C-alpha atoms as a PDB file:
ATOM      1  CA  MET A   1      -0.307  -0.004  -0.199  1.00  0.00           C
ATOM      2  CA  LYS A   2       0.689   3.422  -1.069  1.00  0.00           C
ATOM      3  CA  GLU A   3       2.365   5.452   2.588  1.00  0.00           C
ATOM      4  CA  TYR A   4       1.079   9.382   2.720  1.00  0.00           C
ATOM      5  CA  GLU A   5       3.779  11.503   4.064  1.00  0.00           C
ATOM      6  CA  LYS A   6       2.992  15.814   3.936  1.00  0.00           C
ATOM      7  CA  LEU A   7       6.389  16.278   3.059  1.00  0.00           C
ATOM      8  CA  ILE A   8       8.307  14.288   0.260  1.00  0.00           C
ATOM      9  CA  LYS A   9      12.062  13.591  -0.008  1.00  0.00           C
ATOM     10  CA  LEU A  10      13.353  13.060  -3.190  1.00  0.00           C
ATOM     11  CA  PRO A  11      16.865  11.139  -3.748  1.00  0.00           C
ATOM     12  CA  LEU A  12      19.705  12.665  -5.856  1.00  0.00           C
ATOM     13  CA  LYS A  13      18.339  10.111  -8.464  1.00  0.00           C
ATOM     14  CA  GLY A  14      16.809  10.950 -11.786  1.00  0.00           C
ATOM     15  CA  LYS A  15      14.471  13.689 -13.325  1.00  0.00           C
ATOM     16  CA  ALA A  16      11.852  15.274 -12.296  1.00  0.00           C
ATOM     17  CA  LEU A  17       8.393  15.958 -13.910  1.00  0.00           C
ATOM     18  CA  ILE A  18       6.685  18.970 -12.914  1.00  0.00           C
ATOM     19  CA  ILE A  19       3.516  20.023 -13.827  1.00  0.00           C
ATOM     20  CA  THR A  20       1.424  23.297 -11.982  1.00  0.00           C
ATOM     21  CA  ASP A  21      -2.242  24.359 -11.747  1.00  0.00           C
ATOM     22  CA  LEU A  22      -4.862  21.703 -14.472  1.00  0.00           C
ATOM     23  CA  HIS A  23      -7.718  23.343 -13.926  1.00  0.00           C
ATOM     24  CA  GLY A  24      -9.818  21.117 -15.313  1.00  0.00           C
ATOM     25  CA  ASN A  25      -8.508  21.474 -18.467  1.00  0.00           C
ATOM     26  CA  LEU A  26      -8.647  17.780 -20.549  1.00  0.00           C
ATOM     27  CA  GLU A  27      -6.679  18.493 -23.009  1.00  0.00           C
ATOM     28  CA  ASP A  28      -3.325  19.107 -21.330  1.00  0.00           C
ATOM     29  CA  TYR A  29      -3.867  16.870 -19.230  1.00  0.00           C
ATOM     30  CA  ASN A  30      -3.416  13.811 -21.334  1.00  0.00           C
ATOM     31  CA  ARG A  31      -0.983  16.145 -23.378  1.00  0.00           C
ATOM     32  CA  TYR A  32       1.684  15.944 -20.235  1.00  0.00           C
ATOM     33  CA  MET A  33      -0.033  12.372 -19.710  1.00  0.00           C
ATOM     34  CA  LYS A  34       1.687  10.978 -22.970  1.00  0.00           C
ATOM     35  CA  ILE A  35       4.711  12.975 -21.908  1.00  0.00           C
ATOM     36  CA  TRP A  36       4.863  11.327 -18.099  1.00  0.00           C
ATOM     37  CA  LYS A  37       4.793   7.516 -20.712  1.00  0.00           C
ATOM     38  CA  GLU A  38       7.565   8.348 -22.787  1.00  0.00           C
ATOM     39  CA  PHE A  39       9.243   9.898 -19.216  1.00  0.00           C
ATOM     40  CA  LYS A  40       7.984   7.266 -16.203  1.00  0.00           C
ATOM     41  CA  ASP A  41      11.419   4.618 -15.524  1.00  0.00           C
ATOM     42  CA  LYS A  42      12.389   3.364 -12.052  1.00  0.00           C
ATOM     43  CA  ASN A  43      14.166   6.860 -10.788  1.00  0.00           C
ATOM     44  CA  ASN A  44      11.526   9.733 -12.448  1.00  0.00           C
ATOM     45  CA  HIS A  45       8.592  10.895 -11.075  1.00  0.00           C
ATOM     46  CA  LEU A  46       5.363  13.267 -11.859  1.00  0.00           C
ATOM     47  CA  ILE A  47       4.650  16.223  -9.404  1.00  0.00           C
ATOM     48  CA  LEU A  48       1.361  17.183 -10.305  1.00  0.00           C
ATOM     49  CA  THR A  49       1.705  20.804  -7.729  1.00  0.00           C
ATOM     50  CA  GLY A  50      -1.893  20.368  -6.949  1.00  0.00           C
ATOM     51  CA  ASP A  51      -5.208  22.486  -9.218  1.00  0.00           C
ATOM     52  CA  PHE A  52      -5.783  19.895 -11.297  1.00  0.00           C
ATOM     53  CA  ILE A  53      -9.962  20.683 -10.425  1.00  0.00           C
ATOM     54  CA  HIS A  54     -11.965  23.880 -10.436  1.00  0.00           C
ATOM     55  CA  SER A  55     -12.260  24.182 -14.333  1.00  0.00           C
ATOM     56  CA  CYS A  56     -10.961  27.925 -15.239  1.00  0.00           C
ATOM     57  CA  TYR A  57     -12.534  27.142 -19.044  1.00  0.00           C
ATOM     58  CA  GLN A  58     -15.851  27.182 -20.277  1.00  0.00           C
ATOM     59  CA  ILE A  59     -15.774  23.070 -20.536  1.00  0.00           C
ATOM     60  CA  ASP A  60     -15.167  21.480 -17.156  1.00  0.00           C
ATOM     61  CA  GLY A  61     -12.936  18.638 -16.942  1.00  0.00           C
ATOM     62  CA  SER A  62     -11.937  17.990 -13.455  1.00  0.00           C
ATOM     63  CA  LEU A  63     -14.003  14.720 -12.551  1.00  0.00           C
ATOM     64  CA  GLU A  64     -11.684  12.633 -15.877  1.00  0.00           C
ATOM     65  CA  ILE A  65      -8.780  15.125 -14.257  1.00  0.00           C
ATOM     66  CA  ILE A  66      -9.410  13.321 -10.941  1.00  0.00           C
ATOM     67  CA  ASP A  67     -10.160   9.809 -11.654  1.00  0.00           C
ATOM     68  CA  SER A  68      -7.494   9.339 -14.085  1.00  0.00           C
ATOM     69  CA  VAL A  69      -4.789  11.477 -11.170  1.00  0.00           C
ATOM     70  CA  LYS A  70      -6.150   9.048  -8.435  1.00  0.00           C
ATOM     71  CA  ASN A  71      -6.143   5.897 -10.641  1.00  0.00           C
ATOM     72  CA  HIS A  72      -2.735   6.557 -11.524  1.00  0.00           C
ATOM     73  CA  PHE A  73      -1.595   8.430  -7.472  1.00  0.00           C
ATOM     74  CA  GLU A  74      -2.839   4.579  -6.412  1.00  0.00           C
ATOM     75  CA  ASN A  75      -0.817   2.942  -8.705  1.00  0.00           C
ATOM     76  CA  GLU A  76       2.729   4.454  -9.000  1.00  0.00           C
ATOM     77  CA  LYS A  77       4.966   4.820  -6.362  1.00  0.00           C
ATOM     78  CA  ASN A  78       6.643   8.027  -8.788  1.00  0.00           C
ATOM     79  CA  PHE A  79       4.056   9.647  -9.465  1.00  0.00           C
ATOM     80  CA  HIS A  80       3.034  12.037  -7.036  1.00  0.00           C
ATOM     81  CA  VAL A  81       0.310  14.848  -5.907  1.00  0.00           C
ATOM     82  CA  LEU A  82       0.497  18.262  -4.613  1.00  0.00           C
ATOM     83  CA  LEU A  83      -3.172  19.292  -2.674  1.00  0.00           C
ATOM     84  CA  GLY A  84      -3.527  22.879  -3.712  1.00  0.00           C
ATOM     85  CA  ASN A  85      -5.898  25.376  -2.188  1.00  0.00           C
ATOM     86  CA  HIS A  86      -8.974  24.689  -4.745  1.00  0.00           C
ATOM     87  CA  GLU A  87      -7.953  20.924  -2.807  1.00  0.00           C
ATOM     88  CA  TRP A  88      -7.943  22.393   0.254  1.00  0.00           C
ATOM     89  CA  ALA A  89     -11.020  24.274  -0.650  1.00  0.00           C
ATOM     90  CA  GLN A  90     -13.109  20.769  -1.347  1.00  0.00           C
ATOM     91  CA  ILE A  91     -12.000  19.328   1.960  1.00  0.00           C
ATOM     92  CA  ILE A  92     -12.941  22.153   4.417  1.00  0.00           C
ATOM     93  CA  GLY A  93     -16.179  23.233   1.627  1.00  0.00           C
ATOM     94  CA  GLU A  94     -14.722  26.940   1.284  1.00  0.00           C
ATOM     95  CA  SER A  95     -15.790  28.473  -1.317  1.00  0.00           C
ATOM     96  CA  VAL A  96     -13.775  29.797  -4.158  1.00  0.00           C
ATOM     97  CA  TYR A  97     -14.739  32.722  -6.796  1.00  0.00           C
ATOM     98  CA  LYS A  98     -13.504  32.647  -9.950  1.00  0.00           C
ATOM     99  CA  GLY A  99     -15.020  36.203 -11.728  1.00  0.00           C
ATOM    100  CA  PHE A 100     -19.339  35.723 -10.392  1.00  0.00           C
ATOM    101  CA  SER A 101     -18.708  31.407 -10.317  1.00  0.00           C
ATOM    102  CA  ASN A 102     -18.218  29.482  -6.218  1.00  0.00           C
ATOM    103  CA  GLN A 103     -16.020  26.890  -7.859  1.00  0.00           C
ATOM    104  CA  THR A 104     -16.381  24.712  -4.718  1.00  0.00           C
ATOM    105  CA  GLN A 105     -20.193  24.691  -5.579  1.00  0.00           C
ATOM    106  CA  ASP A 106     -19.701  23.892  -9.334  1.00  0.00           C
ATOM    107  CA  PHE A 107     -17.659  20.813  -8.461  1.00  0.00           C
ATOM    108  CA  ILE A 108     -20.520  19.951  -6.234  1.00  0.00           C
ATOM    109  CA  ASP A 109     -23.214  20.051  -9.406  1.00  0.00           C
ATOM    110  CA  LEU A 110     -20.970  18.601 -11.886  1.00  0.00           C
ATOM    111  CA  ILE A 111     -20.691  15.771 -10.090  1.00  0.00           C
ATOM    112  CA  GLN A 112     -24.682  15.591  -8.947  1.00  0.00           C
ATOM    113  CA  GLU A 113     -25.069  15.980 -12.928  1.00  0.00           C
ATOM    114  CA  LYS A 114     -22.835  13.350 -13.570  1.00  0.00           C
ATOM    115  CA  TYR A 115     -23.106  10.529 -10.868  1.00  0.00           C
ATOM    116  CA  ASP A 116     -27.253  11.852  -9.225  1.00  0.00           C
ATOM    117  CA  ASN A 117     -27.807   9.421  -6.540  1.00  0.00           C
ATOM    118  CA  ASN A 118     -24.517   8.319  -5.733  1.00  0.00           C
ATOM    119  CA  THR A 119     -23.482  11.767  -5.269  1.00  0.00           C
ATOM    120  CA  ASP A 120     -22.590  11.488  -1.343  1.00  0.00           C
ATOM    121  CA  ASN A 121     -20.298   8.793  -1.876  1.00  0.00           C
ATOM    122  CA  LYS A 122     -18.282  10.593  -5.242  1.00  0.00           C
ATOM    123  CA  MET A 123     -18.326  13.270  -2.712  1.00  0.00           C
ATOM    124  CA  GLU A 124     -17.059  11.358  -0.415  1.00  0.00           C
ATOM    125  CA  SER A 125     -14.581   9.448  -1.994  1.00  0.00           C
ATOM    126  CA  TYR A 126     -12.442  12.590  -3.694  1.00  0.00           C
ATOM    127  CA  ILE A 127     -12.672  14.053  -0.196  1.00  0.00           C
ATOM    128  CA  ASN A 128     -11.317  11.321   1.037  1.00  0.00           C
ATOM    129  CA  PHE A 129      -8.023  11.594  -1.904  1.00  0.00           C
ATOM    130  CA  PHE A 130      -7.620  14.991  -0.968  1.00  0.00           C
ATOM    131  CA  LYS A 131      -6.863  14.507   2.496  1.00  0.00           C
ATOM    132  CA  THR A 132      -4.331  12.180   0.857  1.00  0.00           C
ATOM    133  CA  LEU A 133      -1.912  14.791  -0.738  1.00  0.00           C
ATOM    134  CA  ALA A 134       1.911  16.033   0.584  1.00  0.00           C
ATOM    135  CA  ILE A 135       2.127  19.388   0.846  1.00  0.00           C
ATOM    136  CA  ALA A 136       5.160  19.589  -0.961  1.00  0.00           C
ATOM    137  CA  VAL A 137       8.095  17.865  -2.783  1.00  0.00           C
ATOM    138  CA  LYS A 138      11.972  18.266  -1.119  1.00  0.00           C
ATOM    139  CA  THR A 139      14.969  17.203  -2.958  1.00  0.00           C
ATOM    140  CA  GLU A 140      18.384  15.600  -2.560  1.00  0.00           C
ATOM    141  CA  ASN A 141      20.309  18.527  -4.444  1.00  0.00           C
ATOM    142  CA  LYS A 142      18.561  21.667  -2.043  1.00  0.00           C
ATOM    143  CA  VAL A 143      14.844  22.038  -4.092  1.00  0.00           C
ATOM    144  CA  PHE A 144      11.777  22.622  -2.596  1.00  0.00           C
ATOM    145  CA  ILE A 145       8.235  22.287  -4.660  1.00  0.00           C
ATOM    146  CA  SER A 146       4.396  23.125  -3.519  1.00  0.00           C
ATOM    147  CA  HIS A 147       1.690  25.081  -5.120  1.00  0.00           C
ATOM    148  CA  THR A 148       2.970  27.926  -4.015  1.00  0.00           C
ATOM    149  CA  GLY A 149       3.880  29.698  -1.228  1.00  0.00           C
ATOM    150  CA  PRO A 150       6.559  31.040   1.192  1.00  0.00           C
ATOM    151  CA  SER A 151       5.220  30.053   5.365  1.00  0.00           C
ATOM    152  CA  GLN A 152       6.445  33.651   6.903  1.00  0.00           C
ATOM    153  CA  HIS A 153       5.598  31.131   9.899  1.00  0.00           C
ATOM    154  CA  LEU A 154       7.448  28.603   9.118  1.00  0.00           C
ATOM    155  CA  LYS A 155      10.682  26.755  11.324  1.00  0.00           C
ATOM    156  CA  SER A 156      11.082  23.772  10.229  1.00  0.00           C
ATOM    157  CA  GLU A 157       9.916  20.572   7.920  1.00  0.00           C
ATOM    158  CA  ASP A 158       8.464  19.301  11.410  1.00  0.00           C
ATOM    159  CA  ASP A 159       6.240  21.891  10.892  1.00  0.00           C
ATOM    160  CA  ILE A 160       4.314  20.497   7.170  1.00  0.00           C
ATOM    161  CA  LYS A 161       5.176  17.051   8.878  1.00  0.00           C
ATOM    162  CA  ASN A 162       2.962  17.778  11.809  1.00  0.00           C
ATOM    163  CA  ILE A 163      -0.349  18.643  10.413  1.00  0.00           C
ATOM    164  CA  SER A 164      -2.959  17.003  10.317  1.00  0.00           C
ATOM    165  CA  GLU A 165      -6.616  16.900   8.648  1.00  0.00           C
ATOM    166  CA  ASN A 166      -8.031  17.716  11.651  1.00  0.00           C
ATOM    167  CA  ASP A 167      -6.077  21.739  11.423  1.00  0.00           C
ATOM    168  CA  TYR A 168      -6.804  21.701   7.496  1.00  0.00           C
ATOM    169  CA  SER A 169      -8.960  25.353   8.245  1.00  0.00           C
ATOM    170  CA  ARG A 170      -6.690  26.953  10.317  1.00  0.00           C
ATOM    171  CA  ASN A 171      -3.089  25.873  10.416  1.00  0.00           C
ATOM    172  CA  LEU A 172      -0.891  28.614   8.656  1.00  0.00           C
ATOM    173  CA  VAL A 173       1.754  27.054   7.861  1.00  0.00           C
ATOM    174  CA  LEU A 174      -0.428  25.466   5.662  1.00  0.00           C
ATOM    175  CA  TYR A 175      -2.829  27.845   4.908  1.00  0.00           C
ATOM    176  CA  GLU A 176       0.627  30.330   3.089  1.00  0.00           C
ATOM    177  CA  MET A 177       1.725  27.289   1.228  1.00  0.00           C
ATOM    178  CA  LEU A 178      -1.400  26.652  -0.467  1.00  0.00           C
ATOM    179  CA  TRP A 179      -2.883  30.508  -0.734  1.00  0.00           C
ATOM    180  CA  ASN A 180       0.600  33.220  -0.799  1.00  0.00           C
ATOM    181  CA  ARG A 181       0.503  35.701  -4.078  1.00  0.00           C
ATOM    182  CA  ASN A 182       2.357  38.444  -2.760  1.00  0.00           C
ATOM    183  CA  MET A 183       5.263  39.530  -4.535  1.00  0.00           C
ATOM    184  CA  GLU A 184       6.540  41.164  -1.773  1.00  0.00           C
ATOM    185  CA  CYS A 185       5.635  38.581   1.012  1.00  0.00           C
ATOM    186  CA  SER A 186       8.187  36.112  -1.012  1.00  0.00           C
ATOM    187  CA  ARG A 187      10.344  38.804  -2.245  1.00  0.00           C
ATOM    188  CA  ASN A 188      10.298  39.110   2.211  1.00  0.00           C
ATOM    189  CA  TYR A 189      10.057  35.682   3.163  1.00  0.00           C
ATOM    190  CA  LEU A 190      10.934  33.243   0.349  1.00  0.00           C
ATOM    191  CA  ASP A 191      15.466  33.138   1.264  1.00  0.00           C
ATOM    192  CA  PRO A 192      14.176  32.256   5.856  1.00  0.00           C
ATOM    193  CA  PHE A 193      11.442  29.984   4.272  1.00  0.00           C
ATOM    194  CA  LEU A 194      14.499  28.097   1.841  1.00  0.00           C
ATOM    195  CA  LYS A 195      17.119  28.641   4.665  1.00  0.00           C
ATOM    196  CA  HIS A 196      14.298  27.084   6.917  1.00  0.00           C
ATOM    197  CA  LEU A 197      14.625  24.150   4.264  1.00  0.00           C
ATOM    198  CA  ASN A 198      18.043  23.993   4.429  1.00  0.00           C
ATOM    199  CA  CYS A 199      17.063  24.310   0.793  1.00  0.00           C
ATOM    200  CA  ASN A 200      18.288  27.324  -2.439  1.00  0.00           C
ATOM    201  CA  ALA A 201      15.913  27.058  -4.513  1.00  0.00           C
ATOM    202  CA  SER A 202      11.782  26.702  -4.545  1.00  0.00           C
ATOM    203  CA  LEU A 203       9.248  26.026  -7.674  1.00  0.00           C
ATOM    204  CA  VAL A 204       5.846  26.699  -7.437  1.00  0.00           C
ATOM    205  CA  GLY A 205       2.527  27.671  -9.885  1.00  0.00           C
ATOM    206  CA  HIS A 206      -0.352  29.332  -8.276  1.00  0.00           C
ATOM    207  CA  THR A 207       0.341  32.381 -10.041  1.00  0.00           C
ATOM    208  CA  PRO A 208      -0.919  32.840 -13.287  1.00  0.00           C
ATOM    209  CA  VAL A 209       2.298  34.266 -16.089  1.00  0.00           C
ATOM    210  CA  ASN A 210       3.313  33.771 -19.056  1.00  0.00           C
ATOM    211  CA  GLY A 211       5.100  30.755 -18.761  1.00  0.00           C
ATOM    212  CA  VAL A 212       8.068  30.799 -16.185  1.00  0.00           C
ATOM    213  CA  GLU A 213       9.089  33.910 -13.806  1.00  0.00           C
ATOM    214  CA  LEU A 214      11.567  33.483 -11.636  1.00  0.00           C
ATOM    215  CA  HIS A 215      11.249  36.039  -8.305  1.00  0.00           C
ATOM    216  CA  GLY A 216      14.637  35.769  -6.727  1.00  0.00           C
ATOM    217  CA  ASN A 217      15.279  32.213  -6.069  1.00  0.00           C
ATOM    218  CA  GLN A 218      10.945  31.299  -6.536  1.00  0.00           C
ATOM    219  CA  LEU A 219      10.635  29.716 -10.572  1.00  0.00           C
ATOM    220  CA  ILE A 220       6.736  30.345 -11.362  1.00  0.00           C
ATOM    221  CA  VAL A 221       5.361  28.121 -13.354  1.00  0.00           C
ATOM    222  CA  SER A 222       2.208  27.671 -15.151  1.00  0.00           C
ATOM    223  CA  SER A 223       2.131  24.596 -16.763  1.00  0.00           C
ATOM    224  CA  SER A 224      -2.388  25.239 -18.260  1.00  0.00           C
ATOM    225  CA  PHE A 225      -3.912  28.687 -16.359  1.00  0.00           C
ATOM    226  CA  GLY A 226      -2.022  30.868 -17.012  1.00  0.00           C
ATOM    227  CA  MET A 227      -1.167  34.420 -19.124  1.00  0.00           C
ATOM    228  CA  GLY A 228      -0.166  32.862 -22.520  1.00  0.00           C
ATOM    229  CA  ARG A 229       2.464  30.082 -23.065  1.00  0.00           C
ATOM    230  CA  LYS A 230       1.899  26.868 -21.188  1.00  0.00           C
ATOM    231  CA  ALA A 231       5.598  25.282 -18.992  1.00  0.00           C
ATOM    232  CA  TYR A 232       6.807  22.237 -17.487  1.00  0.00           C
ATOM    233  CA  VAL A 233       9.582  21.317 -15.599  1.00  0.00           C
ATOM    234  CA  GLU A 234      12.198  18.420 -15.964  1.00  0.00           C
ATOM    235  CA  LEU A 235      13.857  18.094 -13.227  1.00  0.00           C
ATOM    236  CA  ASP A 236      17.459  16.943 -13.237  1.00  0.00           C
ATOM    237  CA  LEU A 237      17.664  15.562  -9.678  1.00  0.00           C
ATOM    238  CA  LYS A 238      21.527  15.159  -9.519  1.00  0.00           C
ATOM    239  CA  GLU A 239      22.259  18.739 -10.616  1.00  0.00           C
ATOM    240  CA  GLU A 240      23.892  20.519  -8.285  1.00  0.00           C
ATOM    241  CA  ILE A 241      21.365  23.820  -7.564  1.00  0.00           C
ATOM    242  CA  ASN A 242      22.536  27.132  -5.964  1.00  0.00           C
ATOM    243  CA  THR A 243      19.906  28.949  -6.552  1.00  0.00           C
ATOM    244  CA  GLY A 244      16.689  29.827  -8.623  1.00  0.00           C
ATOM    245  CA  ARG A 245      18.669  30.796 -11.879  1.00  0.00           C
ATOM    246  CA  ASP A 246      19.369  26.826 -11.800  1.00  0.00           C
ATOM    247  CA  LEU A 247      16.140  25.611 -12.874  1.00  0.00           C
ATOM    248  CA  LEU A 248      15.593  28.171 -15.284  1.00  0.00           C
ATOM    249  CA  LYS A 249      17.042  26.004 -18.038  1.00  0.00           C
ATOM    250  CA  MET A 250      15.507  22.776 -17.413  1.00  0.00           C
ATOM    251  CA  VAL A 251      11.910  24.361 -18.454  1.00  0.00           C
ATOM    252  CA  LYS A 252      10.193  22.530 -20.792  1.00  0.00           C
ATOM    253  CA  TYR A 253       6.666  24.231 -23.386  1.00  0.00           C
ATOM    254  CA  LEU A 254       3.704  22.274 -23.822  1.00  0.00           C
ATOM    255  CA  ASP A 255       3.209  24.865 -27.868  1.00  0.00           C
END
């Protein structure tokens, strides 16, 4: 049985294919899965950094994506899925809006439309799945990967390891690592945050950008929902990473 940990650690071996916010874009998801099929190896890993549900498009493929992701996750030990703020919102019942649309309710409506009388059971299975998702990945070559961040309240990696579902709605470290989009906050807290974790660079999604943007030692990546180009990262886990700039040469583009 696959072990569930809040902080995943990857060794100096192989590569990691890192994909950020898909937001229900089934076409992009299927393209990335084709890349993963060719990329897959016993020493290679796939990391989804959260927000694979809740569409920012006209067609919402959230349910098709979650069913596929759940199947890969449960059957492939090197297929890692992180919690995003949209999955978190479904766990605690928090309303998340895009424009005037309540995406938390829209997700429930999708399940109702597809499963009708079995809605409650399907919703429970999805929530239970979301609760198993890790918060972050830390690589031995000193890259920290999460949905977003940093957290000014984190003092050690134990602050991630010890997060439990019982305090999902009030844990400040978790909240900041799921919602922080303030670049000023990143500039002020990123380097101390990385120092606490013994890491040199951070890789996140969450904030829409044109492919990638580098802010200090934090690389922001938009793999599907963004402001133009769609980027992903093939991180060489054996290569020394000293700054965020070292991550730029590992960026690839979907389009």
